[in-house]
N, C-alpha and C. Protein backbone atom coordinates (compact mmCIF):
# COMPACT_ATOMS: atom_id res chain seq x y z
N UNK A 1 -7.44 9.27 70.63
CA UNK A 1 -7.19 10.78 70.92
C UNK A 1 -8.64 11.29 71.16
N UNK A 2 -8.71 11.99 72.31
CA UNK A 2 -9.90 12.80 72.68
C UNK A 2 -10.13 14.02 71.92
N UNK A 3 -11.39 14.54 72.18
CA UNK A 3 -11.76 15.64 71.44
C UNK A 3 -10.69 17.01 71.72
N UNK A 4 -10.58 16.81 73.19
CA UNK A 4 -9.92 17.95 73.70
C UNK A 4 -8.49 17.73 73.06
N UNK A 5 -7.97 16.60 73.08
CA UNK A 5 -6.61 16.75 72.44
C UNK A 5 -6.35 16.98 71.01
N UNK A 6 -7.58 16.47 70.29
CA UNK A 6 -7.48 16.88 68.97
C UNK A 6 -7.60 18.28 68.58
N UNK A 7 -8.62 19.00 69.44
CA UNK A 7 -8.95 20.74 69.32
C UNK A 7 -7.35 21.30 69.80
N UNK A 8 -6.89 20.79 70.72
CA UNK A 8 -5.59 21.28 71.25
C UNK A 8 -4.64 21.39 69.96
N UNK A 9 -4.43 20.21 69.43
CA UNK A 9 -3.40 20.13 68.42
C UNK A 9 -3.78 21.07 67.01
N UNK A 10 -4.81 21.05 66.86
CA UNK A 10 -5.35 21.54 65.43
C UNK A 10 -5.44 23.29 65.65
N UNK A 11 -5.75 23.73 66.51
CA UNK A 11 -5.97 25.27 66.64
C UNK A 11 -4.70 25.95 67.51
N UNK A 12 -4.04 26.90 67.07
CA UNK A 12 -3.17 27.49 67.89
C UNK A 12 -3.88 28.24 69.00
N UNK A 13 -3.09 28.77 70.04
CA UNK A 13 -3.63 29.40 71.15
C UNK A 13 -4.23 30.58 70.62
N UNK A 14 -3.52 31.57 69.83
CA UNK A 14 -4.00 32.67 69.61
C UNK A 14 -5.31 32.73 69.09
N UNK A 15 -5.42 31.62 68.13
CA UNK A 15 -7.09 31.56 67.65
C UNK A 15 -7.88 31.53 68.71
N UNK A 16 -7.79 30.37 69.84
CA UNK A 16 -8.81 30.25 70.81
C UNK A 16 -8.83 31.74 71.42
N UNK A 17 -7.77 32.46 71.74
CA UNK A 17 -7.85 33.69 72.41
C UNK A 17 -8.74 34.64 71.83
N UNK A 18 -8.43 34.58 70.31
CA UNK A 18 -9.30 35.53 69.35
C UNK A 18 -10.82 35.20 69.54
N UNK A 19 -11.07 34.10 69.18
CA UNK A 19 -12.63 33.57 69.24
C UNK A 19 -13.01 34.07 70.56
N UNK A 20 -12.45 34.02 71.73
CA UNK A 20 -12.94 34.06 72.97
C UNK A 20 -13.36 35.63 73.17
N UNK A 21 -12.30 36.27 72.58
CA UNK A 21 -12.40 37.97 72.99
C UNK A 21 -13.42 38.45 71.72
N UNK A 22 -13.60 37.88 70.87
CA UNK A 22 -14.63 38.31 69.89
C UNK A 22 -16.08 38.01 70.36
N UNK A 23 -16.16 36.65 70.91
CA UNK A 23 -17.37 36.37 71.40
C UNK A 23 -17.96 37.36 72.54
N UNK A 24 -16.99 37.81 73.43
CA UNK A 24 -17.14 38.81 74.51
C UNK A 24 -17.39 40.18 73.92
N UNK A 25 -16.66 40.40 73.02
CA UNK A 25 -17.03 41.85 72.29
C UNK A 25 -18.30 41.80 71.49
N UNK A 26 -18.85 40.69 70.93
CA UNK A 26 -20.24 40.68 70.40
C UNK A 26 -21.19 40.77 71.63
N UNK A 27 -21.02 40.13 72.52
CA UNK A 27 -21.90 40.22 73.73
C UNK A 27 -21.97 41.48 74.29
N UNK A 28 -20.84 42.30 74.58
CA UNK A 28 -20.87 43.68 75.00
C UNK A 28 -21.50 44.64 73.96
N UNK A 29 -21.33 44.29 72.81
CA UNK A 29 -21.72 45.48 71.74
C UNK A 29 -23.39 45.23 71.76
N UNK A 30 -23.73 44.00 71.63
CA UNK A 30 -25.27 43.86 71.60
C UNK A 30 -25.97 44.42 72.94
N UNK A 31 -25.22 44.19 73.89
CA UNK A 31 -25.70 44.91 75.18
C UNK A 31 -25.92 46.23 75.35
N UNK A 32 -24.70 47.23 74.58
CA UNK A 32 -25.02 48.52 74.64
C UNK A 32 -25.93 49.04 73.55
N UNK A 33 -25.92 48.19 72.52
CA UNK A 33 -26.94 48.67 71.06
C UNK A 33 -28.45 48.52 71.65
N UNK A 34 -28.72 47.35 72.09
CA UNK A 34 -30.32 47.16 72.51
C UNK A 34 -30.32 46.77 73.91
N UNK A 35 -31.15 47.65 74.71
CA UNK A 35 -31.45 47.53 75.98
C UNK A 35 -32.88 46.93 76.25
N UNK A 36 -32.67 45.38 76.14
CA UNK A 36 -34.26 44.58 76.48
C UNK A 36 -33.75 43.13 77.02
N UNK A 37 -34.52 42.93 77.90
CA UNK A 37 -34.23 41.37 78.54
C UNK A 37 -34.04 40.43 77.58
N UNK A 38 -34.85 40.53 76.42
CA UNK A 38 -34.60 39.40 75.48
C UNK A 38 -33.10 39.45 74.96
N UNK A 39 -32.52 40.44 74.57
CA UNK A 39 -31.04 40.33 74.34
C UNK A 39 -30.32 40.15 75.46
N UNK A 40 -30.65 40.31 76.62
CA UNK A 40 -29.58 40.05 77.83
C UNK A 40 -29.81 38.48 77.79
N UNK A 41 -31.15 37.67 77.45
CA UNK A 41 -30.87 36.36 77.66
C UNK A 41 -30.03 35.68 76.19
N UNK A 42 -30.18 36.37 75.30
CA UNK A 42 -29.23 36.02 74.08
C UNK A 42 -27.81 36.36 74.30
N UNK A 43 -27.54 37.23 75.10
CA UNK A 43 -26.21 37.78 75.43
C UNK A 43 -25.36 36.46 76.42
N UNK A 44 -26.27 36.13 77.31
CA UNK A 44 -25.66 35.22 78.26
C UNK A 44 -24.78 34.02 77.65
N UNK A 45 -25.42 33.05 76.74
CA UNK A 45 -24.59 32.01 76.08
C UNK A 45 -23.46 32.50 75.36
N UNK A 46 -23.52 33.78 74.73
CA UNK A 46 -22.27 34.21 74.22
C UNK A 46 -21.24 34.56 75.12
N UNK A 47 -21.39 35.05 76.29
CA UNK A 47 -20.78 35.72 77.31
C UNK A 47 -19.96 34.18 77.96
N UNK A 48 -20.99 33.12 78.13
CA UNK A 48 -20.53 32.05 78.64
C UNK A 48 -19.48 31.36 77.71
N UNK A 49 -19.79 31.10 76.66
CA UNK A 49 -19.10 30.44 75.49
C UNK A 49 -17.74 31.29 75.35
N UNK A 50 -17.71 32.47 75.44
CA UNK A 50 -16.34 33.41 75.21
C UNK A 50 -15.67 33.30 76.53
N UNK A 51 -15.99 33.22 77.80
CA UNK A 51 -15.34 32.90 78.78
C UNK A 51 -14.88 31.50 78.80
N UNK A 52 -15.57 30.52 78.51
CA UNK A 52 -15.16 29.09 78.55
C UNK A 52 -14.07 29.08 77.43
N UNK A 53 -13.94 29.54 76.24
CA UNK A 53 -13.10 29.57 75.52
C UNK A 53 -11.75 30.38 76.02
N UNK A 54 -11.91 31.24 76.61
CA UNK A 54 -10.59 32.02 77.16
C UNK A 54 -9.94 30.94 78.20
N UNK A 55 -10.83 30.54 79.10
CA UNK A 55 -10.36 29.46 80.01
C UNK A 55 -9.76 28.31 79.49
N UNK A 56 -10.27 27.82 78.35
CA UNK A 56 -9.63 26.79 77.79
C UNK A 56 -8.37 26.86 77.05
N UNK A 57 -8.59 28.09 76.46
CA UNK A 57 -6.88 28.67 75.89
C UNK A 57 -5.99 28.74 76.99
N UNK A 58 -6.32 29.37 78.06
CA UNK A 58 -5.48 29.28 79.39
C UNK A 58 -4.98 27.82 79.70
N UNK A 59 -5.95 26.96 79.97
CA UNK A 59 -5.51 25.55 80.40
C UNK A 59 -4.58 24.85 79.30
N UNK A 60 -4.88 25.39 77.89
CA UNK A 60 -4.06 24.60 76.79
C UNK A 60 -2.59 25.27 77.02
N UNK A 61 -2.43 26.64 77.15
CA UNK A 61 -0.95 27.28 77.56
C UNK A 61 -0.51 26.69 78.51
N UNK A 62 -1.23 26.63 79.64
CA UNK A 62 -0.45 25.84 80.68
C UNK A 62 0.03 24.34 80.58
N UNK A 63 -1.02 23.76 79.81
CA UNK A 63 -0.41 22.11 79.53
C UNK A 63 0.76 22.27 78.52
N UNK A 64 0.83 22.98 77.66
CA UNK A 64 1.93 23.37 76.59
C UNK A 64 3.26 23.61 77.40
N UNK A 65 2.87 24.69 78.35
CA UNK A 65 4.05 25.09 79.04
C UNK A 65 4.94 24.28 79.89
N UNK A 66 4.12 23.19 80.30
CA UNK A 66 4.69 22.21 81.29
C UNK A 66 5.43 21.11 80.70
N UNK A 67 5.15 20.81 79.33
CA UNK A 67 5.63 19.81 78.50
C UNK A 67 7.09 19.86 78.34
């Protein structure tokens, strides 16, 4: 079993969606609270990970719905 299969079986889809939304929310909150380039550089990984998590959840949902 690969890591992807293990993660898909262990975490429900709502958890993945919630994690992605929370990561994007934290990135947006930091952007509005502090206006500096350093914060922008810190936000970029949060945004990327949040979007990746949401995309992964979408892929898992699609994979599960075709079975």
